[in-house]
Full PDB file with SEQRES, HELIX, SHEET, SSBOND, CRYST1, ORIGX, SCALE, CONECT and MASTER records, all heavy atoms in Angstrom:
SEQRES   1 A   34  ALA ASP LEU ALA ARG PHE GLU ALA ASP LEU LYS ASP LYS          
SEQRES   2 A   34  LEU GLU GLY SER ASP PHE GLU ASN PRO GLY SER ARG SER          
SEQRES   3 A   34  LEU LYS LYS GLY ARG SER GLN LYS                              
HELIX    1 AA1 ASP A    2  GLY A   16  1                                  15    
HELIX    2 AA2 PRO A   22  GLN A   33  1                                  12    
CRYST1    1.000    1.000    1.000  90.00  90.00  90.00 P 1           1          
ORIGX1      1.000000  0.000000  0.000000        0.00000                         
ORIGX2      0.000000  1.000000  0.000000        0.00000                         
ORIGX3      0.000000  0.000000  1.000000        0.00000                         
SCALE1      1.000000  0.000000  0.000000        0.00000                         
SCALE2      0.000000  1.000000  0.000000        0.00000                         
SCALE3      0.000000  0.000000  1.000000        0.00000                         
ATOM      1  N   ALA A   1      94.556 131.173 100.520  1.00  0.00           N  
ATOM      2  CA  ALA A   1      95.503 130.296 101.220  1.00  0.00           C  
ATOM      3  C   ALA A   1      95.187 128.824 100.945  1.00  0.00           C  
ATOM      4  O   ALA A   1      96.089 128.016 100.708  1.00  0.00           O  
ATOM      5  CB  ALA A   1      95.455 130.573 102.732  1.00  0.00           C  
ATOM      6  N   ASP A   2      93.902 128.476 100.955  1.00  0.00           N  
ATOM      7  CA  ASP A   2      93.512 127.085 100.667  1.00  0.00           C  
ATOM      8  C   ASP A   2      93.896 126.699  99.242  1.00  0.00           C  
ATOM      9  O   ASP A   2      94.353 125.578  98.994  1.00  0.00           O  
ATOM     10  CB  ASP A   2      92.007 126.904 100.868  1.00  0.00           C  
ATOM     11  CG  ASP A   2      91.589 126.991 102.330  1.00  0.00           C  
ATOM     12  OD1 ASP A   2      92.488 126.846 103.189  1.00  0.00           O  
ATOM     13  OD2 ASP A   2      90.405 127.209 102.608  1.00  0.00           O  
ATOM     14  N   LEU A   3      93.708 127.633  98.301  1.00  0.00           N  
ATOM     15  CA  LEU A   3      94.059 127.351  96.915  1.00  0.00           C  
ATOM     16  C   LEU A   3      95.567 127.163  96.765  1.00  0.00           C  
ATOM     17  O   LEU A   3      96.020 126.262  96.046  1.00  0.00           O  
ATOM     18  CB  LEU A   3      93.585 128.495  96.010  1.00  0.00           C  
ATOM     19  CG  LEU A   3      93.906 128.344  94.523  1.00  0.00           C  
ATOM     20  CD1 LEU A   3      93.237 127.104  93.959  1.00  0.00           C  
ATOM     21  CD2 LEU A   3      93.472 129.580  93.747  1.00  0.00           C  
ATOM     22  N   ALA A   4      96.343 127.995  97.448  1.00  0.00           N  
ATOM     23  CA  ALA A   4      97.802 127.863  97.377  1.00  0.00           C  
ATOM     24  C   ALA A   4      98.250 126.521  97.953  1.00  0.00           C  
ATOM     25  O   ALA A   4      99.139 125.859  97.400  1.00  0.00           O  
ATOM     26  CB  ALA A   4      98.472 129.020  98.128  1.00  0.00           C  
ATOM     27  N   ARG A   5      97.640 126.101  99.065  1.00  0.00           N  
ATOM     28  CA  ARG A   5      97.985 124.800  99.645  1.00  0.00           C  
ATOM     29  C   ARG A   5      97.579 123.655  98.715  1.00  0.00           C  
ATOM     30  O   ARG A   5      98.307 122.670  98.565  1.00  0.00           O  
ATOM     31  CB  ARG A   5      97.309 124.634 101.011  1.00  0.00           C  
ATOM     32  CG  ARG A   5      97.998 125.378 102.142  1.00  0.00           C  
ATOM     33  CD  ARG A   5      97.497 124.900 103.486  1.00  0.00           C  
ATOM     34  NE  ARG A   5      96.106 125.261 103.700  1.00  0.00           N  
ATOM     35  CZ  ARG A   5      95.709 126.398 104.249  1.00  0.00           C  
ATOM     36  NH1 ARG A   5      96.608 127.285 104.641  1.00  0.00           N  
ATOM     37  NH2 ARG A   5      94.441 126.657 104.424  1.00  0.00           N  
ATOM     38  N   PHE A   6      96.415 123.802  98.090  1.00  0.00           N  
ATOM     39  CA  PHE A   6      95.952 122.767  97.162  1.00  0.00           C  
ATOM     40  C   PHE A   6      96.925 122.628  95.988  1.00  0.00           C  
ATOM     41  O   PHE A   6      97.272 121.515  95.577  1.00  0.00           O  
ATOM     42  CB  PHE A   6      94.562 123.122  96.652  1.00  0.00           C  
ATOM     43  CG  PHE A   6      94.096 122.260  95.504  1.00  0.00           C  
ATOM     44  CD1 PHE A   6      93.670 120.961  95.717  1.00  0.00           C  
ATOM     45  CD2 PHE A   6      94.092 122.762  94.215  1.00  0.00           C  
ATOM     46  CE1 PHE A   6      93.244 120.171  94.668  1.00  0.00           C  
ATOM     47  CE2 PHE A   6      93.679 121.981  93.157  1.00  0.00           C  
ATOM     48  CZ  PHE A   6      93.249 120.680  93.381  1.00  0.00           C  
ATOM     49  N   GLU A   7      97.368 123.756  95.451  1.00  0.00           N  
ATOM     50  CA  GLU A   7      98.304 123.722  94.327  1.00  0.00           C  
ATOM     51  C   GLU A   7      99.640 123.114  94.747  1.00  0.00           C  
ATOM     52  O   GLU A   7     100.249 122.347  93.993  1.00  0.00           O  
ATOM     53  CB  GLU A   7      98.514 125.135  93.781  1.00  0.00           C  
ATOM     54  CG  GLU A   7      97.291 125.687  93.080  1.00  0.00           C  
ATOM     55  CD  GLU A   7      97.465 127.126  92.635  1.00  0.00           C  
ATOM     56  OE1 GLU A   7      98.512 127.721  92.970  1.00  0.00           O  
ATOM     57  OE2 GLU A   7      96.577 127.642  91.959  1.00  0.00           O  
ATOM     58  N   ALA A   8     100.094 123.458  95.960  1.00  0.00           N  
ATOM     59  CA  ALA A   8     101.363 122.896  96.441  1.00  0.00           C  
ATOM     60  C   ALA A   8     101.250 121.386  96.635  1.00  0.00           C  
ATOM     61  O   ALA A   8     102.152 120.627  96.263  1.00  0.00           O  
ATOM     62  CB  ALA A   8     101.766 123.571  97.754  1.00  0.00           C  
ATOM     63  N   ASP A   9     100.123 120.938  97.209  1.00  0.00           N  
ATOM     64  CA  ASP A   9      99.929 119.497  97.406  1.00  0.00           C  
ATOM     65  C   ASP A   9      99.854 118.771  96.072  1.00  0.00           C  
ATOM     66  O   ASP A   9     100.422 117.683  95.905  1.00  0.00           O  
ATOM     67  CB  ASP A   9      98.647 119.237  98.210  1.00  0.00           C  
ATOM     68  CG  ASP A   9      98.769 119.708  99.649  1.00  0.00           C  
ATOM     69  OD1 ASP A   9      99.912 119.904 100.103  1.00  0.00           O  
ATOM     70  OD2 ASP A   9      97.728 119.891 100.309  1.00  0.00           O  
ATOM     71  N   LEU A  10      99.145 119.381  95.116  1.00  0.00           N  
ATOM     72  CA  LEU A  10      99.020 118.754  93.805  1.00  0.00           C  
ATOM     73  C   LEU A  10     100.376 118.660  93.118  1.00  0.00           C  
ATOM     74  O   LEU A  10     100.704 117.649  92.486  1.00  0.00           O  
ATOM     75  CB  LEU A  10      98.039 119.562  92.948  1.00  0.00           C  
ATOM     76  CG  LEU A  10      97.747 119.017  91.545  1.00  0.00           C  
ATOM     77  CD1 LEU A  10      97.167 117.610  91.628  1.00  0.00           C  
ATOM     78  CD2 LEU A  10      96.804 119.940  90.795  1.00  0.00           C  
ATOM     79  N   LYS A  11     101.178 119.714  93.255  1.00  0.00           N  
ATOM     80  CA  LYS A  11     102.512 119.710  92.647  1.00  0.00           C  
ATOM     81  C   LYS A  11     103.392 118.645  93.271  1.00  0.00           C  
ATOM     82  O   LYS A  11     104.121 117.927  92.576  1.00  0.00           O  
ATOM     83  CB  LYS A  11     103.150 121.088  92.808  1.00  0.00           C  
ATOM     84  CG  LYS A  11     104.471 121.236  92.067  1.00  0.00           C  
ATOM     85  CD  LYS A  11     104.976 122.665  92.184  1.00  0.00           C  
ATOM     86  CE  LYS A  11     106.291 122.819  91.424  1.00  0.00           C  
ATOM     87  NZ  LYS A  11     106.812 124.197  91.529  1.00  0.00           N  
ATOM     88  N   ASP A  12     103.309 118.516  94.615  1.00  0.00           N  
ATOM     89  CA  ASP A  12     104.101 117.489  95.299  1.00  0.00           C  
ATOM     90  C   ASP A  12     103.691 116.092  94.857  1.00  0.00           C  
ATOM     91  O   ASP A  12     104.536 115.213  94.649  1.00  0.00           O  
ATOM     92  CB  ASP A  12     103.936 117.616  96.813  1.00  0.00           C  
ATOM     93  CG  ASP A  12     104.623 118.853  97.367  1.00  0.00           C  
ATOM     94  OD1 ASP A  12     105.496 119.398  96.659  1.00  0.00           O  
ATOM     95  OD2 ASP A  12     104.272 119.284  98.470  1.00  0.00           O  
ATOM     96  N   LYS A  13     102.382 115.867  94.697  1.00  0.00           N  
ATOM     97  CA  LYS A  13     101.907 114.547  94.291  1.00  0.00           C  
ATOM     98  C   LYS A  13     102.352 114.216  92.877  1.00  0.00           C  
ATOM     99  O   LYS A  13     102.732 113.088  92.586  1.00  0.00           O  
ATOM    100  CB  LYS A  13     100.385 114.494  94.394  1.00  0.00           C  
ATOM    101  CG  LYS A  13      99.870 114.462  95.820  1.00  0.00           C  
ATOM    102  CD  LYS A  13      98.358 114.430  95.866  1.00  0.00           C  
ATOM    103  CE  LYS A  13      97.857 114.408  97.305  1.00  0.00           C  
ATOM    104  NZ  LYS A  13      96.379 114.420  97.366  1.00  0.00           N  
ATOM    105  N   LEU A  14     102.311 115.231  91.989  1.00  0.00           N  
ATOM    106  CA  LEU A  14     102.715 114.986  90.613  1.00  0.00           C  
ATOM    107  C   LEU A  14     104.219 114.733  90.507  1.00  0.00           C  
ATOM    108  O   LEU A  14     104.663 113.895  89.728  1.00  0.00           O  
ATOM    109  CB  LEU A  14     102.324 116.173  89.739  1.00  0.00           C  
ATOM    110  CG  LEU A  14     100.820 116.351  89.493  1.00  0.00           C  
ATOM    111  CD1 LEU A  14     100.555 117.632  88.719  1.00  0.00           C  
ATOM    112  CD2 LEU A  14     100.262 115.159  88.739  1.00  0.00           C  
ATOM    113  N   GLU A  15     105.006 115.487  91.305  1.00  0.00           N  
ATOM    114  CA  GLU A  15     106.455 115.301  91.251  1.00  0.00           C  
ATOM    115  C   GLU A  15     106.889 114.010  91.941  1.00  0.00           C  
ATOM    116  O   GLU A  15     107.874 113.389  91.553  1.00  0.00           O  
ATOM    117  CB  GLU A  15     107.148 116.495  91.912  1.00  0.00           C  
ATOM    118  CG  GLU A  15     107.014 117.792  91.113  1.00  0.00           C  
ATOM    119  CD  GLU A  15     107.642 118.956  91.841  1.00  0.00           C  
ATOM    120  OE1 GLU A  15     107.985 118.803  93.038  1.00  0.00           O  
ATOM    121  OE2 GLU A  15     107.779 120.028  91.229  1.00  0.00           O  
ATOM    122  N   GLY A  16     106.151 113.600  92.985  1.00  0.00           N  
ATOM    123  CA  GLY A  16     106.575 112.437  93.749  1.00  0.00           C  
ATOM    124  C   GLY A  16     106.003 111.126  93.259  1.00  0.00           C  
ATOM    125  O   GLY A  16     106.437 110.055  93.682  1.00  0.00           O  
ATOM    126  N   SER A  17     105.014 111.180  92.362  1.00  0.00           N  
ATOM    127  CA  SER A  17     104.389 109.941  91.904  1.00  0.00           C  
ATOM    128  C   SER A  17     105.054 109.443  90.638  1.00  0.00           C  
ATOM    129  O   SER A  17     105.593 110.213  89.847  1.00  0.00           O  
ATOM    130  CB  SER A  17     102.901 110.175  91.658  1.00  0.00           C  
ATOM    131  OG  SER A  17     102.734 111.118  90.620  1.00  0.00           O  
ATOM    132  N   ASP A  18     105.022 108.118  90.445  1.00  0.00           N  
ATOM    133  CA  ASP A  18     105.531 107.496  89.229  1.00  0.00           C  
ATOM    134  C   ASP A  18     104.330 107.140  88.389  1.00  0.00           C  
ATOM    135  O   ASP A  18     103.451 106.400  88.817  1.00  0.00           O  
ATOM    136  CB  ASP A  18     106.318 106.233  89.596  1.00  0.00           C  
ATOM    137  CG  ASP A  18     107.038 105.646  88.382  1.00  0.00           C  
ATOM    138  OD1 ASP A  18     106.806 106.175  87.277  1.00  0.00           O  
ATOM    139  OD2 ASP A  18     107.809 104.693  88.549  1.00  0.00           O  
ATOM    140  N   PHE A  19     104.268 107.686  87.174  1.00  0.00           N  
ATOM    141  CA  PHE A  19     103.085 107.497  86.345  1.00  0.00           C  
ATOM    142  C   PHE A  19     102.913 106.048  85.898  1.00  0.00           C  
ATOM    143  O   PHE A  19     101.835 105.658  85.482  1.00  0.00           O  
ATOM    144  CB  PHE A  19     103.151 108.401  85.112  1.00  0.00           C  
ATOM    145  CG  PHE A  19     102.951 109.844  85.434  1.00  0.00           C  
ATOM    146  CD1 PHE A  19     104.027 110.719  85.433  1.00  0.00           C  
ATOM    147  CD2 PHE A  19     101.703 110.323  85.766  1.00  0.00           C  
ATOM    148  CE1 PHE A  19     103.841 112.037  85.736  1.00  0.00           C  
ATOM    149  CE2 PHE A  19     101.515 111.650  86.062  1.00  0.00           C  
ATOM    150  CZ  PHE A  19     102.585 112.510  86.054  1.00  0.00           C  
ATOM    151  N   GLU A  20     103.981 105.247  85.956  1.00  0.00           N  
ATOM    152  CA  GLU A  20     103.873 103.857  85.529  1.00  0.00           C  
ATOM    153  C   GLU A  20     103.608 102.973  86.734  1.00  0.00           C  
ATOM    154  O   GLU A  20     104.275 103.072  87.760  1.00  0.00           O  
ATOM    155  CB  GLU A  20     105.159 103.396  84.842  1.00  0.00           C  
ATOM    156  CG  GLU A  20     105.385 104.048  83.486  1.00  0.00           C  
ATOM    157  CD  GLU A  20     106.618 103.471  82.815  1.00  0.00           C  
ATOM    158  OE1 GLU A  20     107.480 102.951  83.533  1.00  0.00           O  
ATOM    159  OE2 GLU A  20     106.692 103.543  81.592  1.00  0.00           O  
ATOM    160  N   ASN A  21     102.629 102.085  86.608  1.00  0.00           N  
ATOM    161  CA  ASN A  21     102.303 101.129  87.657  1.00  0.00           C  
ATOM    162  C   ASN A  21     103.395 100.069  87.729  1.00  0.00           C  
ATOM    163  O   ASN A  21     103.806  99.547  86.706  1.00  0.00           O  
ATOM    164  CB  ASN A  21     100.960 100.481  87.307  1.00  0.00           C  
ATOM    165  CG  ASN A  21     100.405  99.696  88.485  1.00  0.00           C  
ATOM    166  OD1 ASN A  21     101.165  99.227  89.328  1.00  0.00           O  
ATOM    167  ND2 ASN A  21      99.094  99.564  88.514  1.00  0.00           N  
ATOM    168  N   PRO A  22     103.896  99.724  88.934  1.00  0.00           N  
ATOM    169  CA  PRO A  22     104.925  98.679  89.028  1.00  0.00           C  
ATOM    170  C   PRO A  22     104.476  97.383  88.372  1.00  0.00           C  
ATOM    171  O   PRO A  22     105.262  96.680  87.753  1.00  0.00           O  
ATOM    172  CB  PRO A  22     105.122  98.507  90.540  1.00  0.00           C  
ATOM    173  CG  PRO A  22     104.704  99.816  91.119  1.00  0.00           C  
ATOM    174  CD  PRO A  22     103.610 100.322  90.231  1.00  0.00           C  
ATOM    175  N   GLY A  23     103.186  97.065  88.484  1.00  0.00           N  
ATOM    176  CA  GLY A  23     102.684  95.858  87.855  1.00  0.00           C  
ATOM    177  C   GLY A  23     102.802  95.906  86.352  1.00  0.00           C  
ATOM    178  O   GLY A  23     103.143  94.914  85.692  1.00  0.00           O  
ATOM    179  N   SER A  24     102.551  97.092  85.791  1.00  0.00           N  
ATOM    180  CA  SER A  24     102.646  97.215  84.340  1.00  0.00           C  
ATOM    181  C   SER A  24     104.093  97.127  83.879  1.00  0.00           C  
ATOM    182  O   SER A  24     104.383  96.647  82.787  1.00  0.00           O  
ATOM    183  CB  SER A  24     102.022  98.547  83.895  1.00  0.00           C  
ATOM    184  OG  SER A  24     102.762  99.633  84.391  1.00  0.00           O  
ATOM    185  N   ARG A  25     105.059  97.597  84.775  1.00  0.00           N  
ATOM    186  CA  ARG A  25     106.465  97.493  84.405  1.00  0.00           C  
ATOM    187  C   ARG A  25     106.890  96.031  84.332  1.00  0.00           C  
ATOM    188  O   ARG A  25     107.607  95.609  83.429  1.00  0.00           O  
ATOM    189  CB  ARG A  25     107.332  98.249  85.421  1.00  0.00           C  
ATOM    190  CG  ARG A  25     107.265  99.761  85.271  1.00  0.00           C  
ATOM    191  CD  ARG A  25     108.502 100.400  85.887  1.00  0.00           C  
ATOM    192  NE  ARG A  25     108.639 100.045  87.302  1.00  0.00           N  
ATOM    193  CZ  ARG A  25     108.128 100.770  88.284  1.00  0.00           C  
ATOM    194  NH1 ARG A  25     107.433 101.843  88.009  1.00  0.00           N  
ATOM    195  NH2 ARG A  25     108.307 100.410  89.544  1.00  0.00           N  
ATOM    196  N   SER A  26     106.467  95.224  85.321  1.00  0.00           N  
ATOM    197  CA  SER A  26     106.837  93.812  85.290  1.00  0.00           C  
ATOM    198  C   SER A  26     106.180  93.109  84.119  1.00  0.00           C  
ATOM    199  O   SER A  26     106.755  92.213  83.506  1.00  0.00           O  
ATOM    200  CB  SER A  26     106.423  93.147  86.612  1.00  0.00           C  
ATOM    201  OG  SER A  26     105.017  93.221  86.783  1.00  0.00           O  
ATOM    202  N   LEU A  27     104.935  93.545  83.791  1.00  0.00           N  
ATOM    203  CA  LEU A  27     104.248  92.953  82.654  1.00  0.00           C  
ATOM    204  C   LEU A  27     104.984  93.272  81.366  1.00  0.00           C  
ATOM    205  O   LEU A  27     105.162  92.412  80.497  1.00  0.00           O  
ATOM    206  CB  LEU A  27     102.811  93.472  82.603  1.00  0.00           C  
ATOM    207  CG  LEU A  27     101.916  92.924  81.483  1.00  0.00           C  
ATOM    208  CD1 LEU A  27     101.790  91.410  81.632  1.00  0.00           C  
ATOM    209  CD2 LEU A  27     100.558  93.573  81.522  1.00  0.00           C  
ATOM    210  N   LYS A  28     105.441  94.525  81.243  1.00  0.00           N  
ATOM    211  CA  LYS A  28     106.197  94.917  80.052  1.00  0.00           C  
ATOM    212  C   LYS A  28     107.519  94.166  79.971  1.00  0.00           C  
ATOM    213  O   LYS A  28     107.981  93.813  78.898  1.00  0.00           O  
ATOM    214  CB  LYS A  28     106.451  96.428  80.060  1.00  0.00           C  
ATOM    215  CG  LYS A  28     105.200  97.252  79.780  1.00  0.00           C  
ATOM    216  CD  LYS A  28     105.526  98.718  79.765  1.00  0.00           C  
ATOM    217  CE  LYS A  28     104.283  99.558  79.510  1.00  0.00           C  
ATOM    218  NZ  LYS A  28     104.597 100.988  79.531  1.00  0.00           N  
ATOM    219  N   LYS A  29     108.123  93.926  81.172  1.00  0.00           N  
ATOM    220  CA  LYS A  29     109.390  93.218  81.173  1.00  0.00           C  
ATOM    221  C   LYS A  29     109.205  91.792  80.662  1.00  0.00           C  
ATOM    222  O   LYS A  29     109.973  91.287  79.832  1.00  0.00           O  
ATOM    223  CB  LYS A  29     109.975  93.210  82.591  1.00  0.00           C  
ATOM    224  CG  LYS A  29     111.337  92.537  82.682  1.00  0.00           C  
ATOM    225  CD  LYS A  29     111.860  92.626  84.102  1.00  0.00           C  
ATOM    226  CE  LYS A  29     113.215  91.956  84.214  1.00  0.00           C  
ATOM    227  NZ  LYS A  29     113.733  92.007  85.608  1.00  0.00           N  
ATOM    228  N   GLY A  30     108.135  91.139  81.167  1.00  0.00           N  
ATOM    229  CA  GLY A  30     107.855  89.794  80.698  1.00  0.00           C  
ATOM    230  C   GLY A  30     107.501  89.770  79.230  1.00  0.00           C  
ATOM    231  O   GLY A  30     107.879  88.876  78.479  1.00  0.00           O  
ATOM    232  N   ARG A  31     106.760  90.807  78.829  1.00  0.00           N  
ATOM    233  CA  ARG A  31     106.366  90.886  77.424  1.00  0.00           C  
ATOM    234  C   ARG A  31     107.574  91.102  76.525  1.00  0.00           C  
ATOM    235  O   ARG A  31     107.668  90.575  75.427  1.00  0.00           O  
ATOM    236  CB  ARG A  31     105.352  92.024  77.269  1.00  0.00           C  
ATOM    237  CG  ARG A  31     104.714  92.091  75.885  1.00  0.00           C  
ATOM    238  CD  ARG A  31     103.716  93.217  75.812  1.00  0.00           C  
ATOM    239  NE  ARG A  31     102.576  92.964  76.693  1.00  0.00           N  
ATOM    240  CZ  ARG A  31     101.635  93.880  76.936  1.00  0.00           C  
ATOM    241  NH1 ARG A  31     101.744  95.082  76.405  1.00  0.00           N  
ATOM    242  NH2 ARG A  31     100.625  93.585  77.715  1.00  0.00           N  
ATOM    243  N   SER A  32     108.552  91.928  77.020  1.00  0.00           N  
ATOM    244  CA  SER A  32     109.734  92.188  76.197  1.00  0.00           C  
ATOM    245  C   SER A  32     110.577  90.936  76.026  1.00  0.00           C  
ATOM    246  O   SER A  32     111.196  90.728  74.987  1.00  0.00           O  
ATOM    247  CB  SER A  32     110.569  93.310  76.835  1.00  0.00           C  
ATOM    248  OG  SER A  32     111.039  92.895  78.100  1.00  0.00           O  
ATOM    249  N   GLN A  33     110.609  90.066  77.078  1.00  0.00           N  
ATOM    250  CA  GLN A  33     111.360  88.814  76.945  1.00  0.00           C  
ATOM    251  C   GLN A  33     110.710  87.910  75.914  1.00  0.00           C  
ATOM    252  O   GLN A  33     111.381  87.224  75.147  1.00  0.00           O  
ATOM    253  CB  GLN A  33     111.422  88.115  78.297  1.00  0.00           C  
ATOM    254  CG  GLN A  33     112.304  88.843  79.315  1.00  0.00           C  
ATOM    255  CD  GLN A  33     112.254  88.197  80.671  1.00  0.00           C  
ATOM    256  OE1 GLN A  33     111.450  87.284  80.912  1.00  0.00           O  
ATOM    257  NE2 GLN A  33     113.125  88.647  81.568  1.00  0.00           N  
ATOM    258  N   LYS A  34     109.359  87.907  75.863  1.00  0.00           N  
ATOM    259  CA  LYS A  34     108.665  87.126  74.851  1.00  0.00           C  
ATOM    260  C   LYS A  34     108.899  87.714  73.471  1.00  0.00           C  
ATOM    261  O   LYS A  34     109.000  86.997  72.480  1.00  0.00           O  
ATOM    262  CB  LYS A  34     107.167  87.088  75.141  1.00  0.00           C  
ATOM    263  CG  LYS A  34     106.810  86.279  76.379  1.00  0.00           C  
ATOM    264  CD  LYS A  34     105.319  86.266  76.583  1.00  0.00           C  
ATOM    265  CE  LYS A  34     104.950  85.471  77.835  1.00  0.00           C  
ATOM    266  NZ  LYS A  34     103.470  85.475  78.048  1.00  0.00           N  
TER     267      LYS A  34                                                      
MASTER        0    0    0    2    0    0    0    6  266    1    0    3          
END                                                                             
């Protein structure tokens, strides 16, 4: 049961998280303008 909950939590975190840092997105945006 603990393993099933761990897998479900891990799946939720992976699906709900954005792999790109907002700071890196703004940095890329500024870099693209340059």
